[in-house]
Amino acid sequence: MQKLTILLLIIACSCQEQQRQRDKKVSDLTPANHIPANSPEYLFQYWEITDAEHPMVKDVGNSKDSIYNSPGLVFLRDSTMVENPRGELRFGKFSFADKKIKASFSDGGTATYVINSIHPTELELTRNEKNNQTILHLKAQGKPFAAGITNPYEPSLNQWRIRPKKPESKEQLVERVKQFVQFYANFFNDNLQSGATEIDFLGLPSCFKWYKGGIYVQSENKLDKKFIQCFYSKEQALEARQILVDALTKKYKWDTNEPDWIKQTAPVLQQVHDSL
């Protein structure tokens, strides 16, 4: 009887240990937000291209004439996507099935991506485009875009970055400037949603200068070249700059008790947009 009791204890301990090992494996694969680490849900975030095997020109970060291009990919839940939102951006639509992403772009181009591996902060894709096969290595924060919140990269909200084919009227310039400000309001809110304590502006066109408790506009002779490229001409970019300068002379409600400059700035950007 004593031997049977000991045997039962050994079996019970063994079962408990096996369960602990299973629980450990689950916890290793499941982050705090309970999304499995290999879930395609992690596809929906901003992915920075860190390396590429047999890359195309667009896959390589570069700086030319003070214009910075930082390659990356954004996949959105409405099946739209943006290639290189911090570079020479291109909009597209995609379908996803069996680890394969088929993309068609607004310029008529197509590409197929195969997910080799996906984790919260790392992604490896094989892309087939124009008879060229490229393996892309990408990194992210591991925090998918929040559902129900306006995404800063939505193609319909980024038309301000497409250079017009002819000069624009004052009303059209104001509308382009409004879209520009709204992008940054959405961009700040997206960073807040992901818990960011710092913001990376590299590659994004802007004429803003950021300070805690203040937003300013770059001087005419230091105006961001990438911002200028969003307009028909430099003269029109300067007109847009003046629209912003005039808008920022108005008084806005700043939360002076808020220590986080990102939380402090986001609602003010929305106020600036609404005032235009």
C-alpha atoms as a PDB file:
ATOM      1  CA  MET A   1       0.000   0.000   0.000  1.00  0.00           C
ATOM      2  CA  GLN A   2       2.843   2.360   0.879  1.00  0.00           C
ATOM      3  CA  LYS A   3       4.551   1.599  -2.457  1.00  0.00           C
ATOM      4  CA  LEU A   4       1.295   2.331  -4.306  1.00  0.00           C
ATOM      5  CA  THR A   5       0.942   5.680  -2.499  1.00  0.00           C
ATOM      6  CA  ILE A   6       4.525   6.658  -3.403  1.00  0.00           C
ATOM      7  CA  LEU A   7       3.939   5.606  -7.024  1.00  0.00           C
ATOM      8  CA  LEU A   8       0.769   7.732  -7.204  1.00  0.00           C
ATOM      9  CA  LEU A   9       2.656  10.723  -5.783  1.00  0.00           C
ATOM     10  CA  ILE A  10       5.401  10.291  -8.376  1.00  0.00           C
ATOM     11  CA  ILE A  11       2.826  10.140 -11.173  1.00  0.00           C
ATOM     12  CA  ALA A  12       1.007  13.215  -9.809  1.00  0.00           C
ATOM     13  CA  CYS A  13       4.258  15.205  -9.577  1.00  0.00           C
ATOM     14  CA  SER A  14       5.197  14.141 -13.096  1.00  0.00           C
ATOM     15  CA  CYS A  15       1.816  15.301 -14.436  1.00  0.00           C
ATOM     16  CA  GLN A  16       2.131  18.614 -12.615  1.00  0.00           C
ATOM     17  CA  GLU A  17       5.614  19.153 -14.077  1.00  0.00           C
ATOM     18  CA  GLN A  18       4.382  18.340 -17.581  1.00  0.00           C
ATOM     19  CA  GLN A  19       1.538  20.838 -17.137  1.00  0.00           C
ATOM     20  CA  ARG A  20       4.014  23.486 -15.924  1.00  0.00           C
ATOM     21  CA  GLN A  21       6.129  22.910 -19.023  1.00  0.00           C
ATOM     22  CA  ARG A  22       3.051  23.227 -21.249  1.00  0.00           C
ATOM     23  CA  ASP A  23       2.042  26.434 -19.456  1.00  0.00           C
ATOM     24  CA  LYS A  24       5.584  27.764 -19.844  1.00  0.00           C
ATOM     25  CA  LYS A  25       5.528  27.106 -23.590  1.00  0.00           C
ATOM     26  CA  VAL A  26       2.202  28.913 -23.890  1.00  0.00           C
ATOM     27  CA  SER A  27       3.481  31.904 -21.920  1.00  0.00           C
ATOM     28  CA  ASP A  28       6.606  31.998 -24.097  1.00  0.00           C
ATOM     29  CA  LEU A  29       4.439  32.225 -27.208  1.00  0.00           C
ATOM     30  CA  THR A  30       1.784  34.566 -25.891  1.00  0.00           C
ATOM     31  CA  PRO A  31       2.624  38.180 -25.003  1.00  0.00           C
ATOM     32  CA  ALA A  32       0.815  40.248 -22.398  1.00  0.00           C
ATOM     33  CA  ASN A  33      -2.013  41.207 -24.765  1.00  0.00           C
ATOM     34  CA  HIS A  34      -2.813  37.502 -25.336  1.00  0.00           C
ATOM     35  CA  ILE A  35      -2.156  37.536 -29.078  1.00  0.00           C
ATOM     36  CA  PRO A  36      -0.192  34.404 -30.097  1.00  0.00           C
ATOM     37  CA  ALA A  37       3.339  35.429 -31.038  1.00  0.00           C
ATOM     38  CA  ASN A  38       3.036  33.979 -34.538  1.00  0.00           C
ATOM     39  CA  SER A  39      -0.400  35.479 -35.211  1.00  0.00           C
ATOM     40  CA  PRO A  40      -0.979  37.341 -38.503  1.00  0.00           C
ATOM     41  CA  GLU A  41      -2.521  40.050 -36.288  1.00  0.00           C
ATOM     42  CA  TYR A  42       1.050  41.350 -35.908  1.00  0.00           C
ATOM     43  CA  LEU A  43       1.095  42.077 -39.613  1.00  0.00           C
ATOM     44  CA  PHE A  44      -0.969  45.208 -38.917  1.00  0.00           C
ATOM     45  CA  GLN A  45       1.718  47.594 -37.702  1.00  0.00           C
ATOM     46  CA  TYR A  46       4.477  49.756 -39.124  1.00  0.00           C
ATOM     47  CA  TRP A  47       7.325  47.508 -40.309  1.00  0.00           C
ATOM     48  CA  GLU A  48      10.779  48.992 -40.866  1.00  0.00           C
ATOM     49  CA  ILE A  49      12.991  47.198 -43.392  1.00  0.00           C
ATOM     50  CA  THR A  50      16.295  46.569 -41.643  1.00  0.00           C
ATOM     51  CA  ASP A  51      17.969  44.332 -44.234  1.00  0.00           C
ATOM     52  CA  ALA A  52      17.278  42.780 -47.613  1.00  0.00           C
ATOM     53  CA  GLU A  53      18.778  39.995 -49.692  1.00  0.00           C
ATOM     54  CA  HIS A  54      18.864  40.902 -53.406  1.00  0.00           C
ATOM     55  CA  PRO A  55      17.205  44.266 -52.675  1.00  0.00           C
ATOM     56  CA  MET A  56      15.601  46.668 -55.088  1.00  0.00           C
ATOM     57  CA  VAL A  57      16.571  50.353 -54.867  1.00  0.00           C
ATOM     58  CA  LYS A  58      13.460  51.166 -52.824  1.00  0.00           C
ATOM     59  CA  ASP A  59      14.503  48.685 -50.112  1.00  0.00           C
ATOM     60  CA  VAL A  60      17.659  50.591 -49.192  1.00  0.00           C
ATOM     61  CA  GLY A  61      17.623  53.540 -46.803  1.00  0.00           C
ATOM     62  CA  ASN A  62      19.395  56.586 -48.109  1.00  0.00           C
ATOM     63  CA  SER A  63      19.878  60.306 -47.746  1.00  0.00           C
ATOM     64  CA  LYS A  64      20.259  62.547 -50.776  1.00  0.00           C
ATOM     65  CA  ASP A  65      20.222  66.349 -50.757  1.00  0.00           C
ATOM     66  CA  SER A  66      18.918  66.285 -47.156  1.00  0.00           C
ATOM     67  CA  ILE A  67      15.964  64.122 -48.241  1.00  0.00           C
ATOM     68  CA  TYR A  68      15.773  60.988 -46.119  1.00  0.00           C
ATOM     69  CA  ASN A  69      14.199  57.731 -47.231  1.00  0.00           C
ATOM     70  CA  SER A  70      13.639  55.021 -44.646  1.00  0.00           C
ATOM     71  CA  PRO A  71      12.106  51.885 -46.251  1.00  0.00           C
ATOM     72  CA  GLY A  72       9.173  50.106 -44.652  1.00  0.00           C
ATOM     73  CA  LEU A  73       5.747  48.517 -45.111  1.00  0.00           C
ATOM     74  CA  VAL A  74       2.349  49.119 -43.568  1.00  0.00           C
ATOM     75  CA  PHE A  75      -0.537  46.655 -43.862  1.00  0.00           C
ATOM     76  CA  LEU A  76      -3.968  47.899 -42.732  1.00  0.00           C
ATOM     77  CA  ARG A  77      -7.057  45.943 -41.688  1.00  0.00           C
ATOM     78  CA  ASP A  78      -9.138  47.329 -44.558  1.00  0.00           C
ATOM     79  CA  SER A  79      -6.822  45.495 -47.005  1.00  0.00           C
ATOM     80  CA  THR A  80      -4.998  48.651 -48.055  1.00  0.00           C
ATOM     81  CA  MET A  81      -1.244  49.021 -47.712  1.00  0.00           C
ATOM     82  CA  VAL A  82       1.480  51.624 -47.970  1.00  0.00           C
ATOM     83  CA  GLU A  83       4.972  50.915 -49.222  1.00  0.00           C
ATOM     84  CA  ASN A  84       7.717  53.154 -47.833  1.00  0.00           C
ATOM     85  CA  PRO A  85       5.567  55.697 -45.944  1.00  0.00           C
ATOM     86  CA  ARG A  86       8.856  57.234 -44.774  1.00  0.00           C
ATOM     87  CA  GLY A  87      10.258  57.308 -48.281  1.00  0.00           C
ATOM     88  CA  GLU A  88       8.837  57.447 -51.792  1.00  0.00           C
ATOM     89  CA  LEU A  89       5.486  56.107 -50.745  1.00  0.00           C
ATOM     90  CA  ARG A  90       3.252  53.915 -52.871  1.00  0.00           C
ATOM     91  CA  PHE A  91      -0.335  52.941 -52.094  1.00  0.00           C
ATOM     92  CA  GLY A  92      -1.864  49.557 -52.773  1.00  0.00           C
ATOM     93  CA  LYS A  93      -4.423  46.917 -51.897  1.00  0.00           C
ATOM     94  CA  PHE A  94      -3.734  43.354 -50.805  1.00  0.00           C
ATOM     95  CA  SER A  95      -5.341  40.000 -50.153  1.00  0.00           C
ATOM     96  CA  PHE A  96      -3.999  37.543 -47.586  1.00  0.00           C
ATOM     97  CA  ALA A  97      -4.341  33.748 -47.475  1.00  0.00           C
ATOM     98  CA  ASP A  98      -2.093  30.834 -46.501  1.00  0.00           C
ATOM     99  CA  LYS A  99       0.858  33.074 -45.564  1.00  0.00           C
ATOM    100  CA  LYS A 100       0.743  34.679 -49.012  1.00  0.00           C
ATOM    101  CA  ILE A 101       0.058  38.377 -49.580  1.00  0.00           C
ATOM    102  CA  LYS A 102      -0.911  39.460 -53.090  1.00  0.00           C
ATOM    103  CA  ALA A 103      -0.572  43.213 -53.619  1.00  0.00           C
ATOM    104  CA  SER A 104      -1.663  45.499 -56.433  1.00  0.00           C
ATOM    105  CA  PHE A 105      -0.484  49.107 -56.396  1.00  0.00           C
ATOM    106  CA  SER A 106      -2.039  52.342 -57.591  1.00  0.00           C
ATOM    107  CA  ASP A 107       0.703  52.756 -60.200  1.00  0.00           C
ATOM    108  CA  GLY A 108      -0.294  49.461 -61.835  1.00  0.00           C
ATOM    109  CA  GLY A 109       2.494  47.382 -60.284  1.00  0.00           C
ATOM    110  CA  THR A 110       1.966  44.089 -58.486  1.00  0.00           C
ATOM    111  CA  ALA A 111       3.912  42.033 -55.956  1.00  0.00           C
ATOM    112  CA  THR A 112       3.528  38.805 -54.012  1.00  0.00           C
ATOM    113  CA  TYR A 113       4.877  38.433 -50.476  1.00  0.00           C
ATOM    114  CA  VAL A 114       5.285  35.132 -48.651  1.00  0.00           C
ATOM    115  CA  ILE A 115       5.517  35.239 -44.862  1.00  0.00           C
ATOM    116  CA  ASN A 116       8.529  33.125 -43.933  1.00  0.00           C
ATOM    117  CA  SER A 117       8.228  33.953 -40.248  1.00  0.00           C
ATOM    118  CA  ILE A 118       6.300  36.422 -38.129  1.00  0.00           C
ATOM    119  CA  HIS A 119       6.781  37.403 -34.487  1.00  0.00           C
ATOM    120  CA  PRO A 120       5.634  40.446 -32.482  1.00  0.00           C
ATOM    121  CA  THR A 121       8.714  42.499 -33.396  1.00  0.00           C
ATOM    122  CA  GLU A 122      10.262  40.596 -36.320  1.00  0.00           C
ATOM    123  CA  LEU A 123       9.031  39.670 -39.770  1.00  0.00           C
ATOM    124  CA  GLU A 124      10.673  37.945 -42.724  1.00  0.00           C
ATOM    125  CA  LEU A 125       9.076  38.169 -46.148  1.00  0.00           C
ATOM    126  CA  THR A 126       9.989  36.826 -49.560  1.00  0.00           C
ATOM    127  CA  ARG A 127       8.802  39.279 -52.183  1.00  0.00           C
ATOM    128  CA  ASN A 128       8.432  38.491 -55.888  1.00  0.00           C
ATOM    129  CA  GLU A 129       8.172  41.619 -58.019  1.00  0.00           C
ATOM    130  CA  LYS A 130       9.301  42.436 -61.565  1.00  0.00           C
ATOM    131  CA  ASN A 131      11.068  39.062 -61.948  1.00  0.00           C
ATOM    132  CA  ASN A 132      13.096  39.899 -58.837  1.00  0.00           C
ATOM    133  CA  GLN A 133      12.957  37.861 -55.644  1.00  0.00           C
ATOM    134  CA  THR A 134      13.929  39.693 -52.466  1.00  0.00           C
ATOM    135  CA  ILE A 135      14.031  38.466 -48.892  1.00  0.00           C
ATOM    136  CA  LEU A 136      13.080  41.315 -46.562  1.00  0.00           C
ATOM    137  CA  HIS A 137      13.938  41.466 -42.869  1.00  0.00           C
ATOM    138  CA  LEU A 138      11.744  43.855 -40.904  1.00  0.00           C
ATOM    139  CA  LYS A 139      11.265  45.012 -37.335  1.00  0.00           C
ATOM    140  CA  ALA A 140       8.393  46.640 -35.439  1.00  0.00           C
ATOM    141  CA  GLN A 141       7.323  47.594 -31.917  1.00  0.00           C
ATOM    142  CA  GLY A 142       5.173  44.503 -31.510  1.00  0.00           C
ATOM    143  CA  LYS A 143       1.972  46.515 -30.961  1.00  0.00           C
ATOM    144  CA  PRO A 144      -0.607  46.145 -33.746  1.00  0.00           C
ATOM    145  CA  PHE A 145      -2.637  49.166 -34.807  1.00  0.00           C
ATOM    146  CA  ALA A 146      -5.650  49.607 -32.547  1.00  0.00           C
ATOM    147  CA  ALA A 147      -8.977  48.781 -34.153  1.00  0.00           C
ATOM    148  CA  GLY A 148     -11.442  51.649 -34.382  1.00  0.00           C
ATOM    149  CA  ILE A 149      -8.787  54.379 -34.239  1.00  0.00           C
ATOM    150  CA  THR A 150      -7.963  56.488 -37.277  1.00  0.00           C
ATOM    151  CA  ASN A 151      -4.704  55.200 -38.697  1.00  0.00           C
ATOM    152  CA  PRO A 152      -2.207  57.844 -39.827  1.00  0.00           C
ATOM    153  CA  TYR A 153      -1.126  55.724 -42.799  1.00  0.00           C
ATOM    154  CA  GLU A 154      -4.526  55.244 -44.401  1.00  0.00           C
ATOM    155  CA  PRO A 155      -4.066  56.023 -48.117  1.00  0.00           C
ATOM    156  CA  SER A 156      -7.210  58.174 -48.229  1.00  0.00           C
ATOM    157  CA  LEU A 157      -5.700  60.413 -45.538  1.00  0.00           C
ATOM    158  CA  ASN A 158      -2.302  60.776 -47.199  1.00  0.00           C
ATOM    159  CA  GLN A 159      -3.230  62.407 -50.478  1.00  0.00           C
ATOM    160  CA  TRP A 160      -1.554  65.613 -49.250  1.00  0.00           C
ATOM    161  CA  ARG A 161       1.764  63.908 -50.003  1.00  0.00           C
ATOM    162  CA  ILE A 162       0.973  63.412 -53.689  1.00  0.00           C
ATOM    163  CA  ARG A 163       2.412  66.316 -55.672  1.00  0.00           C
ATOM    164  CA  PRO A 164      -0.297  67.994 -57.805  1.00  0.00           C
ATOM    165  CA  LYS A 165       0.129  68.209 -61.564  1.00  0.00           C
ATOM    166  CA  LYS A 166      -0.812  71.878 -61.698  1.00  0.00           C
ATOM    167  CA  PRO A 167      -0.794  74.916 -59.383  1.00  0.00           C
ATOM    168  CA  GLU A 168      -3.438  74.895 -56.675  1.00  0.00           C
ATOM    169  CA  SER A 169      -5.822  77.618 -55.581  1.00  0.00           C
ATOM    170  CA  LYS A 170      -5.705  79.115 -52.084  1.00  0.00           C
ATOM    171  CA  GLU A 171      -8.627  76.887 -51.071  1.00  0.00           C
ATOM    172  CA  GLN A 172      -6.839  73.789 -52.370  1.00  0.00           C
ATOM    173  CA  LEU A 173      -3.653  74.748 -50.517  1.00  0.00           C
ATOM    174  CA  VAL A 174      -5.615  75.172 -47.293  1.00  0.00           C
ATOM    175  CA  GLU A 175      -7.135  71.713 -47.782  1.00  0.00           C
ATOM    176  CA  ARG A 176      -3.682  70.181 -48.368  1.00  0.00           C
ATOM    177  CA  VAL A 177      -2.379  71.890 -45.231  1.00  0.00           C
ATOM    178  CA  LYS A 178      -5.374  70.619 -43.236  1.00  0.00           C
ATOM    179  CA  GLN A 179      -4.647  67.056 -44.357  1.00  0.00           C
ATOM    180  CA  PHE A 180      -0.995  67.545 -43.404  1.00  0.00           C
ATOM    181  CA  VAL A 181      -1.910  68.679 -39.883  1.00  0.00           C
ATOM    182  CA  GLN A 182      -4.488  65.895 -39.517  1.00  0.00           C
ATOM    183  CA  PHE A 183      -1.836  63.334 -40.453  1.00  0.00           C
ATOM    184  CA  TYR A 184       0.347  64.498 -37.577  1.00  0.00           C
ATOM    185  CA  ALA A 185      -2.596  64.542 -35.151  1.00  0.00           C
ATOM    186  CA  ASN A 186      -3.291  60.914 -36.131  1.00  0.00           C
ATOM    187  CA  PHE A 187       0.426  60.097 -36.023  1.00  0.00           C
ATOM    188  CA  PHE A 188       0.782  61.412 -32.464  1.00  0.00           C
ATOM    189  CA  ASN A 189      -2.342  59.539 -31.361  1.00  0.00           C
ATOM    190  CA  ASP A 190      -1.021  56.320 -32.902  1.00  0.00           C
ATOM    191  CA  ASN A 191       2.228  56.734 -30.970  1.00  0.00           C
ATOM    192  CA  LEU A 192       0.228  57.317 -27.789  1.00  0.00           C
ATOM    193  CA  GLN A 193      -1.788  54.173 -28.437  1.00  0.00           C
ATOM    194  CA  SER A 194       1.402  52.127 -28.756  1.00  0.00           C
ATOM    195  CA  GLY A 195       2.815  53.609 -25.542  1.00  0.00           C
ATOM    196  CA  ALA A 196       5.700  55.425 -27.232  1.00  0.00           C
ATOM    197  CA  THR A 197       7.754  57.808 -25.105  1.00  0.00           C
ATOM    198  CA  GLU A 198       9.691  59.140 -28.095  1.00  0.00           C
ATOM    199  CA  ILE A 199       8.644  59.792 -31.697  1.00  0.00           C
ATOM    200  CA  ASP A 200      10.706  58.966 -34.758  1.00  0.00           C
ATOM    201  CA  PHE A 201      10.036  61.506 -37.530  1.00  0.00           C
ATOM    202  CA  LEU A 202      12.767  60.253 -39.870  1.00  0.00           C
ATOM    203  CA  GLY A 203      11.683  60.279 -43.504  1.00  0.00           C
ATOM    204  CA  LEU A 204       8.324  61.974 -42.945  1.00  0.00           C
ATOM    205  CA  PRO A 205       7.760  65.323 -44.723  1.00  0.00           C
ATOM    206  CA  SER A 206       7.153  68.144 -42.270  1.00  0.00           C
ATOM    207  CA  CYS A 207       7.744  71.823 -41.614  1.00  0.00           C
ATOM    208  CA  PHE A 208       7.076  71.646 -37.883  1.00  0.00           C
ATOM    209  CA  LYS A 209       9.549  72.211 -35.066  1.00  0.00           C
ATOM    210  CA  TRP A 210       8.495  70.504 -31.857  1.00  0.00           C
ATOM    211  CA  TYR A 211       8.956  71.764 -28.310  1.00  0.00           C
ATOM    212  CA  LYS A 212       7.283  70.874 -25.040  1.00  0.00           C
ATOM    213  CA  GLY A 213       4.414  73.326 -24.813  1.00  0.00           C
ATOM    214  CA  GLY A 214       4.923  74.700 -28.317  1.00  0.00           C
ATOM    215  CA  ILE A 215       4.716  74.024 -32.059  1.00  0.00           C
ATOM    216  CA  TYR A 216       6.624  76.195 -34.504  1.00  0.00           C
ATOM    217  CA  VAL A 217       7.209  76.310 -38.248  1.00  0.00           C
ATOM    218  CA  GLN A 218      10.599  76.051 -39.929  1.00  0.00           C
ATOM    219  CA  SER A 219      12.021  79.227 -41.442  1.00  0.00           C
ATOM    220  CA  GLU A 220      11.741  79.720 -45.189  1.00  0.00           C
ATOM    221  CA  ASN A 221      15.417  79.048 -45.852  1.00  0.00           C
ATOM    222  CA  LYS A 222      15.380  75.847 -43.767  1.00  0.00           C
ATOM    223  CA  LEU A 223      12.095  74.437 -45.044  1.00  0.00           C
ATOM    224  CA  ASP A 224      12.174  70.631 -45.309  1.00  0.00           C
ATOM    225  CA  LYS A 225      12.816  69.647 -48.941  1.00  0.00           C
ATOM    226  CA  LYS A 226      10.536  66.656 -48.597  1.00  0.00           C
ATOM    227  CA  PHE A 227       7.730  68.974 -47.469  1.00  0.00           C
ATOM    228  CA  ILE A 228       8.358  71.182 -50.513  1.00  0.00           C
ATOM    229  CA  GLN A 229       8.023  68.126 -52.777  1.00  0.00           C
ATOM    230  CA  CYS A 230       4.407  67.719 -51.621  1.00  0.00           C
ATOM    231  CA  PHE A 231       3.473  70.894 -53.521  1.00  0.00           C
ATOM    232  CA  TYR A 232       3.474  71.924 -57.157  1.00  0.00           C
ATOM    233  CA  SER A 233       6.357  74.353 -56.619  1.00  0.00           C
ATOM    234  CA  LYS A 234       8.510  75.848 -53.913  1.00  0.00           C
ATOM    235  CA  GLU A 235       6.450  79.036 -54.158  1.00  0.00           C
ATOM    236  CA  GLN A 236       3.291  77.101 -53.337  1.00  0.00           C
ATOM    237  CA  ALA A 237       5.077  75.316 -50.492  1.00  0.00           C
ATOM    238  CA  LEU A 238       5.982  78.731 -49.067  1.00  0.00           C
ATOM    239  CA  GLU A 239       2.338  79.786 -49.362  1.00  0.00           C
ATOM    240  CA  ALA A 240       1.355  76.664 -47.436  1.00  0.00           C
ATOM    241  CA  ARG A 241       3.991  77.445 -44.837  1.00  0.00           C
ATOM    242  CA  GLN A 242       2.486  80.905 -44.347  1.00  0.00           C
ATOM    243  CA  ILE A 243      -0.974  79.387 -43.892  1.00  0.00           C
ATOM    244  CA  LEU A 244       0.455  77.361 -41.015  1.00  0.00           C
ATOM    245  CA  VAL A 245       2.323  80.325 -39.560  1.00  0.00           C
ATOM    246  CA  ASP A 246      -0.923  82.297 -39.490  1.00  0.00           C
ATOM    247  CA  ALA A 247      -2.793  79.364 -37.942  1.00  0.00           C
ATOM    248  CA  LEU A 248      -0.239  78.976 -35.159  1.00  0.00           C
ATOM    249  CA  THR A 249      -0.614  82.612 -34.092  1.00  0.00           C
ATOM    250  CA  LYS A 250      -4.048  81.683 -32.724  1.00  0.00           C
ATOM    251  CA  LYS A 251      -4.455  80.636 -29.116  1.00  0.00           C
ATOM    252  CA  TYR A 252      -4.936  76.966 -28.331  1.00  0.00           C
ATOM    253  CA  LYS A 253      -5.628  75.052 -25.148  1.00  0.00           C
ATOM    254  CA  TRP A 254      -2.463  73.428 -23.844  1.00  0.00           C
ATOM    255  CA  ASP A 255      -2.556  71.138 -20.829  1.00  0.00           C
ATOM    256  CA  THR A 256       0.288  72.768 -18.912  1.00  0.00           C
ATOM    257  CA  ASN A 257       0.064  70.111 -16.183  1.00  0.00           C
ATOM    258  CA  GLU A 258       0.699  67.233 -18.608  1.00  0.00           C
ATOM    259  CA  PRO A 259       4.339  66.063 -18.277  1.00  0.00           C
ATOM    260  CA  ASP A 260       4.237  63.923 -21.443  1.00  0.00           C
ATOM    261  CA  TRP A 261       4.853  66.211 -24.429  1.00  0.00           C
ATOM    262  CA  ILE A 262       3.259  63.700 -26.814  1.00  0.00           C
ATOM    263  CA  LYS A 263       0.006  63.658 -24.828  1.00  0.00           C
ATOM    264  CA  GLN A 264       0.211  67.432 -24.557  1.00  0.00           C
ATOM    265  CA  THR A 265       0.754  68.026 -28.280  1.00  0.00           C
ATOM    266  CA  ALA A 266      -1.716  65.576 -29.867  1.00  0.00           C
ATOM    267  CA  PRO A 267      -4.937  67.450 -28.947  1.00  0.00           C
ATOM    268  CA  VAL A 268      -3.400  70.800 -29.928  1.00  0.00           C
ATOM    269  CA  LEU A 269      -2.655  69.485 -33.423  1.00  0.00           C
ATOM    270  CA  GLN A 270      -6.324  68.574 -33.725  1.00  0.00           C
ATOM    271  CA  GLN A 271      -7.257  72.087 -32.626  1.00  0.00           C
ATOM    272  CA  VAL A 272      -4.961  73.568 -35.264  1.00  0.00           C
ATOM    273  CA  HIS A 273      -6.583  71.388 -37.930  1.00  0.00           C
ATOM    274  CA  ASP A 274     -10.064  72.411 -36.845  1.00  0.00           C
ATOM    275  CA  SER A 275      -9.121  76.093 -36.936  1.00  0.00           C
ATOM    276  CA  LEU A 276      -8.025  76.021 -40.592  1.00  0.00           C
END
